[in-house]
Amino acid sequence: MRDFIYVLISVTVLLNVVSTEPFFDIRDPAFIEECVREHNMGRTNVNPPASNMRYMTWDEGLAVTARAWARFCIFKHNIHRKEVRRVHPTFPSVGENIWVGYPYSYFTVKSAVKSWVDEVKDYNYYQNQCTKVCGHYTQVVWADTYKVGCAAQACPNGVAETGFSTLPAIIFVCNYATAGNYQGEAPYTTGTQCSGCPRETCENKLCRNSTRDALQSYNWTPDWDPALSTCGGFCLAVVIIRLVSVPLTFISVYCLQCRYSLFAYE
């Protein structure tokens, strides 16, 4: 019985340690919905209005890539973005936005995407020029981009290349397809909303196409994903919990049998 209590306490402590770091699941419907909603809100509200702005939907492959790069906990763009088939199983290249913040509580999907959209104040559409950084904004509102996949990663040891490289922080990565921000090109064409895509459905001033917007599933992982060669805190916790769960079950059954004289008959 004493061993049983020790095991139970150990598992409880382990779970408490893991829970101190926020965990984000790229398959969580609420997380997906918020990422898509906040991006499309920024696209709907462009000024001047866009005639050819596509509705943006979630892409599993882009999210897997975003998660893999976020795991490095470094505030730099993915070095593989332009390498064919190393960032997505079908799209040859992808766009990317990165946000970092400290402490953990500072992060929400809404605030992160808003920080990119707010760069519009430093962008002049008619001159197609930035007075400061505005490339995150132009990628969010790039008309031909229609897929997005995001991931957030807790970095307890900090995010490299930032002012809080030794403090617990969060990095949020979004990948986009088709990629945007082509030099010399405006992010979209001005005009009456959806007039540039007359054969498509117009929803909240955005062009929708059932074929283009269909969700895809991929059995794919980037070959450079650090998770393929390392096991982080959450991974270790899962392994340990699985290892102790079997003996814990037998101990529990044994204790119940001793206490209540339980038997099974056929």
Protein backbone atom coordinates (compact mmCIF):
# COMPACT_ATOMS: atom_id res chain seq x y z
CA MET A 1 0.00 0.00 0.00
CA ARG A 2 2.85 2.37 0.80
CA ASP A 3 4.37 1.72 -2.65
CA PHE A 4 1.01 2.46 -4.22
CA ILE A 5 0.88 5.84 -2.45
CA TYR A 6 4.42 6.68 -3.53
CA VAL A 7 3.59 5.91 -7.16
CA LEU A 8 0.42 7.99 -6.97
CA ILE A 9 2.30 10.95 -5.49
CA SER A 10 5.02 10.69 -8.15
CA VAL A 11 2.47 10.75 -10.97
CA THR A 12 0.66 13.72 -9.40
CA VAL A 13 3.90 15.69 -9.07
CA LEU A 14 4.81 14.84 -12.66
CA LEU A 15 1.47 16.06 -13.97
CA ASN A 16 1.79 19.29 -12.00
CA VAL A 17 5.24 19.95 -13.45
CA VAL A 18 4.01 19.39 -17.00
CA SER A 19 0.92 21.55 -16.50
CA THR A 20 3.05 24.60 -15.61
CA GLU A 21 3.88 24.93 -19.30
CA PRO A 22 0.98 25.74 -21.65
CA PHE A 23 0.33 23.15 -24.31
CA PHE A 24 -1.20 23.97 -27.69
CA ASP A 25 -2.68 21.31 -29.93
CA ILE A 26 -2.76 22.08 -33.67
CA ARG A 27 -5.74 19.70 -33.89
CA ASP A 28 -7.78 21.61 -31.30
CA PRO A 29 -10.93 22.90 -33.09
CA ALA A 30 -11.04 26.04 -30.92
CA PHE A 31 -7.41 26.90 -31.72
CA ILE A 32 -7.97 26.26 -35.43
CA GLU A 33 -11.16 28.30 -35.52
CA GLU A 34 -9.52 31.28 -33.82
CA CYS A 35 -6.52 31.26 -36.15
CA VAL A 36 -8.74 31.17 -39.23
CA ARG A 37 -11.21 33.73 -37.88
CA GLU A 38 -8.60 36.31 -36.93
CA HIS A 39 -6.84 36.04 -40.29
CA ASN A 40 -10.07 36.36 -42.27
CA MET A 41 -11.14 39.32 -40.17
CA GLY A 42 -7.96 41.13 -41.17
CA ARG A 43 -8.58 40.24 -44.81
CA THR A 44 -12.21 41.39 -44.74
CA ASN A 45 -11.35 44.80 -43.33
CA VAL A 46 -8.60 45.88 -45.73
CA ASN A 47 -8.67 49.53 -46.81
CA PRO A 48 -8.86 50.27 -49.67
CA PRO A 49 -11.25 47.32 -50.25
CA ALA A 50 -10.10 44.27 -52.21
CA SER A 51 -11.85 42.84 -55.26
CA ASN A 52 -10.04 39.49 -55.27
CA MET A 53 -9.41 38.58 -51.61
CA ARG A 54 -9.78 34.83 -51.08
CA TYR A 55 -11.29 33.31 -47.96
CA MET A 56 -8.59 31.60 -45.91
CA THR A 57 -9.02 28.06 -44.53
CA TRP A 58 -6.94 25.76 -42.34
CA ASP A 59 -4.30 23.42 -43.71
CA GLU A 60 -3.00 20.53 -41.62
CA GLY A 61 0.31 20.33 -43.46
CA LEU A 62 1.10 24.00 -42.88
CA ALA A 63 0.28 23.60 -39.19
CA VAL A 64 2.63 20.60 -38.91
CA THR A 65 5.41 22.68 -40.49
CA ALA A 66 4.67 25.62 -38.16
CA ARG A 67 4.80 23.31 -35.13
CA ALA A 68 8.07 21.74 -36.25
CA TRP A 69 9.79 25.11 -36.69
CA ALA A 70 8.33 26.53 -33.46
CA ARG A 71 9.93 23.66 -31.55
CA PHE A 72 13.37 25.15 -32.23
CA CYS A 73 12.40 28.17 -30.08
CA ILE A 74 14.31 30.65 -32.24
CA PHE A 75 13.05 33.97 -33.58
CA LYS A 76 14.16 33.44 -37.17
CA HIS A 77 12.39 32.41 -40.35
CA ASN A 78 12.36 28.76 -41.35
CA ILE A 79 15.47 28.11 -43.43
CA HIS A 80 13.61 25.43 -45.44
CA ARG A 81 10.71 27.63 -46.64
CA LYS A 82 11.76 27.63 -50.28
CA GLU A 83 12.89 24.01 -50.44
CA VAL A 84 10.40 21.95 -52.42
CA ARG A 85 8.64 19.23 -50.40
CA ARG A 86 10.52 20.07 -47.20
CA VAL A 87 7.86 22.43 -45.86
CA HIS A 88 4.72 20.88 -47.33
CA PRO A 89 3.78 17.68 -49.18
CA THR A 90 2.09 19.58 -52.06
CA PHE A 91 2.83 23.31 -51.93
CA PRO A 92 6.35 24.00 -53.29
CA SER A 93 6.97 26.95 -50.93
CA VAL A 94 5.16 28.71 -48.10
CA GLY A 95 4.94 32.12 -46.47
CA GLU A 96 5.57 32.61 -42.77
CA ASN A 97 4.84 35.01 -39.89
CA ILE A 98 6.39 34.68 -36.43
CA TRP A 99 5.39 36.26 -33.10
CA VAL A 100 7.13 35.86 -29.76
CA GLY A 101 6.12 37.01 -26.31
CA TYR A 102 6.92 36.83 -22.60
CA PRO A 103 5.45 35.80 -20.17
CA TYR A 104 3.21 32.89 -21.18
CA SER A 105 0.06 34.79 -20.21
CA TYR A 106 0.85 37.51 -22.76
CA PHE A 107 -0.05 35.24 -25.67
CA THR A 108 -3.42 34.87 -27.36
CA VAL A 109 -4.02 34.06 -31.01
CA LYS A 110 -6.07 37.24 -31.34
CA SER A 111 -3.36 39.53 -29.95
CA ALA A 112 -0.64 37.91 -32.04
CA VAL A 113 -2.51 38.15 -35.35
CA LYS A 114 -3.67 41.67 -34.45
CA SER A 115 -0.05 42.75 -34.02
CA TRP A 116 0.58 41.69 -37.61
CA VAL A 117 -2.58 43.32 -38.96
CA ASP A 118 -1.80 46.56 -37.09
CA GLU A 119 1.28 47.00 -39.27
CA VAL A 120 -1.14 48.46 -41.82
CA LYS A 121 -0.40 51.86 -40.25
CA ASP A 122 3.11 51.58 -41.71
CA TYR A 123 1.98 50.47 -45.17
CA ASN A 124 0.93 52.67 -48.10
CA TYR A 125 -1.14 50.63 -50.54
CA TYR A 126 -0.98 53.12 -53.42
CA GLN A 127 2.81 53.35 -53.25
CA ASN A 128 3.14 49.71 -52.14
CA GLN A 129 5.77 50.75 -49.61
CA CYS A 130 6.44 50.29 -45.92
CA THR A 131 7.66 53.11 -43.68
CA LYS A 132 8.54 50.50 -41.04
CA VAL A 133 8.07 46.72 -40.77
CA CYS A 134 4.84 45.69 -42.52
CA GLY A 135 5.63 42.38 -44.22
CA HIS A 136 3.58 40.45 -41.67
CA TYR A 137 0.54 42.52 -42.61
CA THR A 138 0.99 42.12 -46.37
CA GLN A 139 1.29 38.34 -45.96
CA VAL A 140 -1.91 38.18 -43.90
CA VAL A 141 -3.80 40.11 -46.61
CA TRP A 142 -2.13 38.59 -49.66
CA ALA A 143 -5.15 37.93 -51.89
CA ASP A 144 -3.92 34.72 -53.53
CA THR A 145 -3.06 33.10 -50.20
CA TYR A 146 -5.91 30.84 -49.17
CA LYS A 147 -4.47 28.35 -46.67
CA VAL A 148 -3.05 28.91 -43.20
CA GLY A 149 -1.63 26.63 -40.52
CA CYS A 150 -0.36 27.85 -37.16
CA ALA A 151 1.29 26.49 -34.03
CA ALA A 152 2.22 27.92 -30.63
CA GLN A 153 5.09 26.51 -28.59
CA ALA A 154 6.04 27.14 -24.98
CA CYS A 155 9.79 27.70 -24.65
CA PRO A 156 10.66 27.39 -20.92
CA ASN A 157 14.32 28.17 -21.59
CA GLY A 158 13.52 31.22 -23.73
CA VAL A 159 13.38 32.07 -27.43
CA ALA A 160 16.77 32.60 -29.06
CA GLU A 161 17.43 35.85 -30.93
CA THR A 162 15.14 37.84 -28.57
CA GLY A 163 15.55 40.02 -25.49
CA PHE A 164 14.12 37.23 -23.34
CA SER A 165 16.28 34.39 -24.57
CA THR A 166 16.61 32.97 -21.05
CA LEU A 167 13.05 33.57 -19.85
CA PRO A 168 9.99 31.31 -20.36
CA ALA A 169 8.28 32.56 -23.50
CA ILE A 170 5.95 31.51 -26.29
CA ILE A 171 6.63 31.46 -30.01
CA PHE A 172 3.70 31.53 -32.44
CA VAL A 173 4.30 30.56 -36.06
CA CYS A 174 1.86 30.73 -38.98
CA ASN A 175 2.59 29.33 -42.42
CA TYR A 176 0.72 30.32 -45.57
CA ALA A 177 0.05 28.95 -49.05
CA THR A 178 0.29 30.00 -51.64
CA ALA A 179 3.16 32.18 -50.41
CA GLY A 180 2.85 35.95 -50.62
CA ASN A 181 5.05 39.05 -50.41
CA TYR A 182 6.46 38.97 -53.93
CA GLN A 183 8.68 41.97 -54.48
CA GLY A 184 7.09 44.73 -56.52
CA GLU A 185 3.56 43.24 -56.31
CA ALA A 186 0.66 44.69 -54.35
CA PRO A 187 -0.98 42.24 -51.93
CA TYR A 188 -4.40 42.56 -53.61
CA THR A 189 -6.36 44.39 -56.30
CA THR A 190 -8.68 47.19 -55.24
CA GLY A 191 -12.34 47.35 -56.28
CA THR A 192 -15.79 46.20 -55.28
CA GLN A 193 -15.52 43.26 -52.91
CA CYS A 194 -15.56 39.88 -54.71
CA SER A 195 -15.89 41.50 -58.12
CA GLY A 196 -12.59 39.90 -59.08
CA CYS A 197 -13.98 36.40 -58.55
CA PRO A 198 -17.52 36.50 -60.05
CA ARG A 199 -17.91 32.72 -60.29
CA GLU A 200 -17.28 32.19 -56.60
CA THR A 201 -19.36 32.73 -53.47
CA CYS A 202 -18.86 36.02 -51.65
CA GLU A 203 -18.74 35.66 -47.85
CA ASN A 204 -17.87 38.62 -45.64
CA LYS A 205 -16.29 40.33 -48.65
CA LEU A 206 -14.09 37.28 -49.32
CA CYS A 207 -14.16 34.87 -52.27
CA ARG A 208 -15.04 31.26 -51.38
CA ASN A 209 -14.61 28.17 -53.53
CA SER A 210 -15.73 24.79 -52.20
CA THR A 211 -12.99 22.87 -54.00
CA ARG A 212 -10.20 25.23 -53.01
CA ASP A 213 -11.45 25.53 -49.43
CA ALA A 214 -11.79 21.79 -48.82
CA LEU A 215 -9.81 20.46 -45.87
CA GLN A 216 -6.96 18.07 -46.63
CA SER A 217 -5.24 15.46 -44.47
CA TYR A 218 -1.61 14.49 -44.83
CA ASN A 219 0.38 11.61 -43.36
CA TRP A 220 3.52 13.72 -43.39
CA THR A 221 6.15 15.24 -41.12
CA PRO A 222 9.10 17.46 -42.13
CA ASP A 223 12.37 15.51 -42.10
CA TRP A 224 13.97 18.32 -40.07
CA ASP A 225 11.38 18.28 -37.24
CA PRO A 226 13.40 18.19 -33.97
CA ALA A 227 10.74 15.94 -32.45
CA LEU A 228 12.00 13.13 -34.68
CA SER A 229 15.25 12.99 -32.69
CA THR A 230 14.39 14.45 -29.29
CA CYS A 231 11.78 13.97 -26.61
CA GLY A 232 10.69 17.11 -24.76
CA GLY A 233 9.10 17.49 -21.34
CA PHE A 234 5.58 16.66 -22.43
CA CYS A 235 6.80 13.69 -24.45
CA LEU A 236 8.78 12.38 -21.46
CA ALA A 237 5.77 12.82 -19.23
CA VAL A 238 3.61 10.73 -21.54
CA VAL A 239 6.26 7.98 -21.67
CA ILE A 240 6.65 7.89 -17.90
CA ILE A 241 2.91 7.92 -17.26
CA ARG A 242 2.47 5.01 -19.66
CA LEU A 243 5.24 3.08 -17.92
CA VAL A 244 3.69 3.49 -14.47
CA SER A 245 0.07 3.04 -15.55
CA VAL A 246 0.30 -0.74 -15.99
CA PRO A 247 1.81 -1.57 -12.58
CA LEU A 248 -0.42 1.07 -11.03
CA THR A 249 -3.48 -0.73 -12.39
CA PHE A 250 -2.34 -4.10 -11.00
CA ILE A 251 -1.52 -2.53 -7.62
CA SER A 252 -4.95 -0.93 -7.47
CA VAL A 253 -6.71 -4.21 -8.29
CA TYR A 254 -4.58 -6.11 -5.77
CA CYS A 255 -5.33 -3.58 -3.00
CA LEU A 256 -9.06 -3.73 -3.74
CA GLN A 257 -9.02 -7.53 -3.68
CA CYS A 258 -7.20 -7.59 -0.32
CA ARG A 259 -9.51 -5.03 1.21
CA TYR A 260 -12.84 -6.25 -0.10
CA SER A 261 -12.08 -9.90 -0.94
CA LEU A 262 -13.07 -9.45 -4.57
CA PHE A 263 -13.02 -12.49 -6.84
CA ALA A 264 -14.10 -13.19 -10.36
CA TYR A 265 -15.85 -16.35 -11.52
CA GLU A 266 -16.75 -17.67 -14.94
